[in-house]
Amino acid sequence: MSQPQPEKSSQRFIVHDLTKQNGQTNFARDVRAGLAANPKQLFPKYLYDALGSKLFEAICHVEEYYLTRAETEILSRHADEIVRSVAGCQTLVELGSGSAEKTRRVIEALLRNQPSLLFVPIDISPSALKESSQALLQAYPQLRIEAYAADYFDGLAALKLTDQGCVLVLFLGSNIGNFQKDDAANFLRAIRQVLRPGDALLLGADLKKDGPTLERAYNDSLGVTRAFILNQLARINREFGANFDLWAFGLRSVYNDHEGRIDVYLESLRGQSVTIPGLDLSITLAAGERIHMENAYKYDTDELSLMAQQTGFIRQQSWMDEGKRFSSNLFVAV
């Protein structure tokens, strides 16, 4: 099979769209497997199509979702200190870049100390990737962008880093919490494999706190989170001809204190049958039956240090917002 050719819109912007290769096939495979399982589940990476990416941006502005404000506070206050800790960084990689609004603080801190920068965003949504990249190119004439429309692992596998200067990888927003603990460790090892000793990862991680605060953050009063999570069912309707009734589901976000995580479900409000012609699949849901949509693990600093040690890093330093709700952690490759 021939490799996809990168799209070049200018000398400063290249995008490699790996979703054209296997995105729809993988989505179909995972939806079929997840809805045929017992209990049923879907996968959070597929929440981020074009509409889903916009809905997540809206979540970041609701009152209950403190994570974005806390992380933005950290980066606004400490970006210069963070980049000084990674001397000679010529390449900035971001996994799950989305709108890249928070990333601007890091880009600006780097460009205050050097004439140019290569930014390598990796995001599963091609539309969000192209939109954010064009905005960044307009804002920062010193910036070059080589983007990958791909999931994390495919993007990392395709990544080709030069030997010039240090590399800083960003994984923000506490997206590490969406992985099961073993999967999170495997993911960090995959990042470590593309880095050299001395390169670094800035890892955003939400900190453990009381259950009610966490549950409100994942089920806001305006219903934006519900719309975001339901969009995956709407996407299955659009792409595979399914007949999910979106009004027949409620959002249930529950803090699991023993596991230290939020569990997010869609709960069927009545008994129902759903056909998905594009997947040659029919399913039934009992009243009260839940589809697991995502986890959101929370961490403390000891757990973060151990995770760094187990995956080829050391946790060199952490920064927290004033309320000590969220952490930005510098993992240095050893």
Protein backbone atom coordinates (compact mmCIF):
# COMPACT_ATOMS: atom_id res chain seq x y z
CA MET A 1 0.00 0.00 0.00
CA SER A 2 1.39 3.41 -0.91
CA GLN A 3 1.92 5.91 1.88
CA PRO A 4 -0.41 8.96 2.02
CA GLN A 5 1.18 12.09 0.63
CA PRO A 6 1.27 15.11 2.93
CA GLU A 7 -0.83 18.12 2.02
CA LYS A 8 1.20 21.32 1.67
CA SER A 9 -0.74 24.57 1.92
CA SER A 10 2.42 26.68 2.28
CA GLN A 11 6.09 26.28 3.05
CA ARG A 12 5.21 26.73 6.72
CA PHE A 13 2.42 24.14 6.95
CA ILE A 14 2.34 20.43 6.15
CA VAL A 15 -0.43 18.05 7.27
CA HIS A 16 -0.30 14.25 7.15
CA ASP A 17 -3.88 12.95 7.21
CA LEU A 18 -3.64 9.37 8.46
CA THR A 19 -7.38 9.24 9.14
CA LYS A 20 -7.95 8.85 5.38
CA GLN A 21 -6.15 5.51 5.61
CA ASN A 22 -7.99 3.76 8.40
CA GLY A 23 -10.13 6.15 10.42
CA GLN A 24 -13.58 4.94 9.26
CA THR A 25 -12.53 1.29 9.35
CA ASN A 26 -11.26 1.58 12.92
CA PHE A 27 -14.38 3.46 14.02
CA ALA A 28 -16.65 0.78 12.54
CA ARG A 29 -14.61 -2.01 14.15
CA ASP A 30 -14.62 -0.42 17.59
CA VAL A 31 -18.31 0.54 17.56
CA ARG A 32 -19.29 -2.99 16.55
CA ALA A 33 -17.10 -4.56 19.24
CA GLY A 34 -18.14 -2.10 21.94
CA LEU A 35 -21.89 -2.35 21.41
CA ALA A 36 -21.75 -6.14 21.13
CA ALA A 37 -19.89 -6.38 24.47
CA ASN A 38 -21.47 -6.95 27.86
CA PRO A 39 -21.48 -4.40 29.41
CA LYS A 40 -21.64 -2.12 26.39
CA GLN A 41 -18.96 0.51 25.82
CA LEU A 42 -17.80 3.09 23.32
CA PHE A 43 -14.39 4.75 23.08
CA PRO A 44 -13.65 8.37 24.00
CA LYS A 45 -11.28 9.11 21.11
CA TYR A 46 -14.28 8.96 18.72
CA LEU A 47 -16.01 11.80 20.55
CA TYR A 48 -13.78 14.25 18.69
CA ASP A 49 -15.18 14.60 15.21
CA ALA A 50 -15.67 18.15 13.89
CA LEU A 51 -18.81 18.76 15.96
CA GLY A 52 -17.46 16.95 19.00
CA SER A 53 -14.32 19.10 19.00
CA LYS A 54 -16.49 22.24 19.01
CA LEU A 55 -18.63 20.87 21.85
CA PHE A 56 -15.55 20.11 23.90
CA GLU A 57 -14.35 23.67 23.40
CA ALA A 58 -17.71 24.78 24.82
CA ILE A 59 -17.29 22.47 27.84
CA CYS A 60 -14.04 24.25 28.64
CA HIS A 61 -16.01 27.44 29.29
CA VAL A 62 -18.76 26.09 31.57
CA GLU A 63 -18.58 27.03 35.23
CA GLU A 64 -18.29 23.51 36.61
CA TYR A 65 -15.42 22.40 34.36
CA TYR A 66 -12.53 23.90 36.31
CA LEU A 67 -9.78 21.88 34.59
CA THR A 68 -9.18 24.21 31.64
CA ARG A 69 -9.15 27.35 33.77
CA ALA A 70 -6.75 25.78 36.27
CA GLU A 71 -4.34 24.57 33.58
CA THR A 72 -4.50 27.90 31.74
CA GLU A 73 -3.62 29.63 35.02
CA ILE A 74 -0.56 27.40 35.43
CA LEU A 75 0.67 27.95 31.88
CA SER A 76 0.04 31.70 32.05
CA ARG A 77 2.10 32.00 35.23
CA HIS A 78 4.83 29.46 34.62
CA ALA A 79 5.36 29.01 30.85
CA ASP A 80 8.71 30.83 30.90
CA GLU A 81 9.93 28.72 33.80
CA ILE A 82 8.73 25.55 32.09
CA VAL A 83 10.57 26.23 28.83
CA ARG A 84 13.74 27.24 30.70
CA SER A 85 13.68 23.73 32.16
CA VAL A 86 13.97 22.30 28.61
CA ALA A 87 16.96 24.20 27.29
CA GLY A 88 17.38 24.49 23.53
CA CYS A 89 13.90 23.24 22.59
CA GLN A 90 13.53 23.54 18.82
CA THR A 91 10.51 21.24 18.38
CA LEU A 92 7.21 21.34 20.26
CA VAL A 93 4.93 18.30 19.85
CA GLU A 94 1.36 18.25 21.13
CA LEU A 95 -0.82 15.16 21.44
CA GLY A 96 -4.54 15.91 21.22
CA SER A 97 -3.92 19.52 20.29
CA GLY A 98 -7.56 20.50 19.64
CA SER A 99 -7.90 24.28 19.41
CA ALA A 100 -4.35 24.73 20.85
CA GLU A 101 -5.48 27.75 22.86
CA LYS A 102 -3.49 26.79 25.97
CA THR A 103 -0.54 25.86 23.78
CA ARG A 104 -0.09 29.50 22.80
CA ARG A 105 1.41 30.24 26.23
CA VAL A 106 4.18 27.69 25.62
CA ILE A 107 4.74 28.77 22.01
CA GLU A 108 5.07 32.41 23.07
CA ALA A 109 7.48 31.53 25.88
CA LEU A 110 9.68 29.59 23.45
CA LEU A 111 9.63 32.31 20.80
CA ARG A 112 10.69 34.91 23.35
CA ASN A 113 14.03 33.11 23.47
CA GLN A 114 14.60 31.94 19.89
CA PRO A 115 13.88 33.08 16.32
CA SER A 116 11.80 30.09 15.15
CA LEU A 117 9.98 26.94 16.26
CA LEU A 118 8.63 23.75 14.69
CA PHE A 119 5.21 22.81 16.11
CA VAL A 120 3.98 19.25 15.54
CA PRO A 121 0.32 18.86 16.57
CA ILE A 122 -1.33 15.42 16.53
CA ASP A 123 -5.12 15.28 16.69
CA ILE A 124 -7.77 12.80 15.57
CA SER A 125 -9.96 15.55 14.09
CA PRO A 126 -8.57 16.79 10.72
CA SER A 127 -10.90 19.80 10.73
CA ALA A 128 -9.88 20.95 14.22
CA LEU A 129 -6.23 20.40 13.34
CA LYS A 130 -6.34 22.49 10.17
CA GLU A 131 -8.40 25.27 11.76
CA SER A 132 -6.11 25.63 14.78
CA SER A 133 -2.95 25.39 12.66
CA GLN A 134 -4.07 28.20 10.34
CA ALA A 135 -4.85 30.41 13.34
CA LEU A 136 -1.43 29.74 14.87
CA LEU A 137 0.39 30.44 11.60
CA GLN A 138 -1.35 33.79 11.31
CA ALA A 139 -0.52 34.69 14.92
CA TYR A 140 3.14 33.60 14.88
CA PRO A 141 5.15 34.30 11.70
CA GLN A 142 8.18 32.49 13.21
CA LEU A 143 6.24 29.23 13.47
CA ARG A 144 6.36 26.20 11.15
CA ILE A 145 3.80 23.41 11.56
CA GLU A 146 3.97 19.77 10.54
CA ALA A 147 0.66 18.27 11.61
CA TYR A 148 -0.63 14.70 11.88
CA ALA A 149 -4.34 13.91 11.70
CA ALA A 150 -4.23 10.61 13.56
CA ASP A 151 -4.87 8.93 16.88
CA TYR A 152 -2.08 9.14 19.42
CA PHE A 153 -0.34 5.85 18.66
CA ASP A 154 -0.53 6.20 14.86
CA GLY A 155 0.74 9.76 15.12
CA LEU A 156 3.66 8.77 17.34
CA ALA A 157 4.55 5.89 15.01
CA ALA A 158 4.61 8.24 12.00
CA LEU A 159 6.52 10.99 13.76
CA LYS A 160 9.92 11.86 12.31
CA LEU A 161 11.88 14.12 14.64
CA THR A 162 15.16 15.74 13.64
CA ASP A 163 18.33 15.70 15.69
CA GLN A 164 18.32 19.48 15.99
CA GLY A 165 17.67 20.75 19.49
CA CYS A 166 15.62 19.41 22.34
CA VAL A 167 12.02 18.18 21.97
CA LEU A 168 9.19 19.10 24.32
CA VAL A 169 5.97 17.05 24.10
CA LEU A 170 2.72 18.44 25.50
CA PHE A 171 -0.09 16.20 26.71
CA LEU A 172 -2.45 18.64 28.35
CA GLY A 173 -5.98 18.72 29.72
CA SER A 174 -5.60 15.62 31.94
CA ASN A 175 -6.21 13.45 28.89
CA ILE A 176 -3.93 10.90 30.54
CA GLY A 177 -6.91 10.23 32.82
CA ASN A 178 -8.88 8.70 29.93
CA PHE A 179 -6.51 5.71 29.93
CA GLN A 180 -6.74 2.73 32.26
CA LYS A 181 -3.66 2.72 34.50
CA ASP A 182 -1.80 0.01 32.55
CA ASP A 183 -2.73 1.65 29.24
CA ALA A 184 -1.51 5.02 30.53
CA ALA A 185 1.87 3.48 31.29
CA ASN A 186 2.05 1.88 27.83
CA PHE A 187 1.16 5.21 26.24
CA LEU A 188 3.90 7.04 28.14
CA ARG A 189 6.37 4.35 27.05
CA ALA A 190 5.32 4.96 23.44
CA ILE A 191 6.08 8.67 23.91
CA ARG A 192 9.42 7.82 25.53
CA GLN A 193 10.39 5.69 22.53
CA VAL A 194 10.39 8.69 20.19
CA LEU A 195 12.38 10.88 22.61
CA ARG A 196 16.06 11.08 23.45
CA PRO A 197 17.50 11.44 26.96
CA GLY A 198 16.97 15.03 28.03
CA ASP A 199 13.86 15.54 25.91
CA ALA A 200 10.76 16.18 28.00
CA LEU A 201 7.01 15.70 28.34
CA LEU A 202 4.75 18.28 29.99
CA LEU A 203 1.89 16.19 31.36
CA GLY A 204 -1.33 17.79 32.55
CA ALA A 205 -2.98 15.75 35.32
CA ASP A 206 -6.06 16.54 37.35
CA LEU A 207 -5.56 16.01 41.08
CA LYS A 208 -7.69 13.92 43.43
CA LYS A 209 -10.40 15.85 45.25
CA ASP A 210 -13.92 15.46 46.62
CA GLY A 211 -16.44 13.44 44.61
CA PRO A 212 -19.18 16.09 44.27
CA THR A 213 -16.79 18.62 42.68
CA LEU A 214 -15.61 16.00 40.20
CA GLU A 215 -19.12 14.81 39.35
CA ARG A 216 -20.29 18.36 38.66
CA ALA A 217 -17.28 18.92 36.37
CA TYR A 218 -18.42 16.01 34.18
CA ASN A 219 -22.16 16.79 34.18
CA ASP A 220 -22.60 20.54 33.94
CA SER A 221 -25.95 22.22 34.60
CA LEU A 222 -26.21 23.58 31.04
CA GLY A 223 -26.03 20.08 29.53
CA VAL A 224 -23.01 20.79 27.32
CA THR A 225 -21.23 17.65 28.53
CA ARG A 226 -24.32 15.57 27.78
CA ALA A 227 -24.41 16.96 24.23
CA PHE A 228 -20.70 16.20 23.80
CA ILE A 229 -21.04 12.59 24.97
CA LEU A 230 -24.27 12.03 23.01
CA ASN A 231 -22.56 13.25 19.85
CA GLN A 232 -20.90 9.87 19.49
CA LEU A 233 -24.34 8.25 19.16
CA ALA A 234 -25.31 11.00 16.73
CA ARG A 235 -22.14 10.26 14.78
CA ILE A 236 -23.08 6.56 14.61
CA ASN A 237 -26.49 7.64 13.31
CA ARG A 238 -24.89 9.85 10.64
CA GLU A 239 -22.14 7.53 9.49
CA PHE A 240 -23.76 4.10 9.82
CA GLY A 241 -27.48 4.87 9.44
CA ALA A 242 -28.34 3.94 13.04
CA ASN A 243 -31.58 5.05 14.72
CA PHE A 244 -30.44 5.97 18.23
CA ASP A 245 -33.02 8.25 19.89
CA LEU A 246 -30.77 10.79 21.61
CA TRP A 247 -33.58 11.89 23.94
CA ALA A 248 -33.80 8.36 25.32
CA PHE A 249 -30.44 8.63 27.10
CA GLY A 250 -29.31 10.39 30.25
CA LEU A 251 -25.74 11.26 31.23
CA ARG A 252 -24.43 9.61 34.39
CA SER A 253 -21.03 10.75 35.72
CA VAL A 254 -20.09 8.92 38.92
CA TYR A 255 -16.99 9.22 41.09
CA ASN A 256 -15.43 5.86 41.90
CA ASP A 257 -13.52 6.64 45.08
CA HIS A 258 -11.82 3.23 45.25
CA GLU A 259 -10.35 3.60 41.74
CA GLY A 260 -9.83 7.37 41.97
CA ARG A 261 -11.70 8.12 38.76
CA ILE A 262 -14.88 9.49 37.25
CA ASP A 263 -16.87 6.92 35.25
CA VAL A 264 -19.00 8.46 32.49
CA TYR A 265 -21.99 6.56 31.10
CA LEU A 266 -24.98 7.06 28.88
CA GLU A 267 -28.00 5.44 30.56
CA SER A 268 -30.98 4.19 28.59
CA LEU A 269 -34.11 5.88 30.00
CA ARG A 270 -36.40 3.16 28.63
CA GLY A 271 -36.23 -0.21 26.97
CA GLN A 272 -35.31 0.24 23.32
CA SER A 273 -34.05 -1.49 20.20
CA VAL A 274 -31.53 0.08 17.85
CA THR A 275 -30.55 -0.99 14.34
CA ILE A 276 -27.25 0.01 12.74
CA PRO A 277 -27.51 -0.97 9.06
CA GLY A 278 -24.02 0.19 8.16
CA LEU A 279 -22.56 -2.30 10.64
CA ASP A 280 -25.16 -5.03 10.06
CA LEU A 281 -25.89 -4.84 13.79
CA SER A 282 -28.96 -4.65 16.00
CA ILE A 283 -28.87 -4.13 19.77
CA THR A 284 -31.37 -3.88 22.61
CA LEU A 285 -31.06 -1.79 25.75
CA ALA A 286 -33.03 -2.33 28.92
CA ALA A 287 -34.31 0.61 30.95
CA GLY A 288 -31.42 1.68 33.17
CA GLU A 289 -28.78 -0.13 31.09
CA ARG A 290 -25.59 1.87 30.68
CA ILE A 291 -23.07 2.35 27.88
CA HIS A 292 -19.64 3.15 29.28
CA MET A 293 -18.23 6.18 27.45
CA GLU A 294 -15.04 7.19 29.23
CA ASN A 295 -13.02 7.19 32.44
CA ALA A 296 -11.27 10.17 33.96
CA TYR A 297 -8.60 9.06 36.44
CA LYS A 298 -7.31 11.53 39.01
CA TYR A 299 -3.79 11.48 40.43
CA ASP A 300 -1.66 12.58 43.34
CA THR A 301 2.00 13.56 43.07
CA ASP A 302 3.31 10.23 44.43
CA GLU A 303 1.39 8.36 41.71
CA LEU A 304 2.76 10.71 39.07
CA SER A 305 6.33 10.18 40.25
CA LEU A 306 5.89 6.41 40.17
CA MET A 307 4.34 6.55 36.69
CA ALA A 308 7.30 8.60 35.45
CA GLN A 309 9.80 6.17 36.98
CA GLN A 310 8.07 3.13 35.44
CA THR A 311 8.02 4.58 31.91
CA GLY A 312 11.53 5.94 31.36
CA PHE A 313 11.14 9.44 32.83
CA ILE A 314 11.75 11.31 36.03
CA ARG A 315 9.23 13.83 37.36
CA GLN A 316 11.59 16.79 37.53
CA GLN A 317 9.10 19.42 38.64
CA SER A 318 5.36 20.08 39.03
CA TRP A 319 3.37 23.30 38.96
CA MET A 320 -0.13 23.73 40.40
CA ASP A 321 -2.84 26.35 40.14
CA GLU A 322 -3.56 28.52 43.17
CA GLY A 323 -6.39 26.23 44.30
CA LYS A 324 -4.16 23.13 43.96
CA ARG A 325 -6.77 21.44 41.81
CA PHE A 326 -4.62 20.65 38.78
CA SER A 327 -0.97 19.87 38.02
CA SER A 328 1.42 20.41 35.11
CA ASN A 329 4.28 17.94 35.43
CA LEU A 330 7.64 18.01 33.68
CA PHE A 331 8.69 14.43 32.90
CA VAL A 332 12.28 14.34 31.63
CA ALA A 333 13.41 11.34 29.55
CA VAL A 334 16.30 9.38 31.09
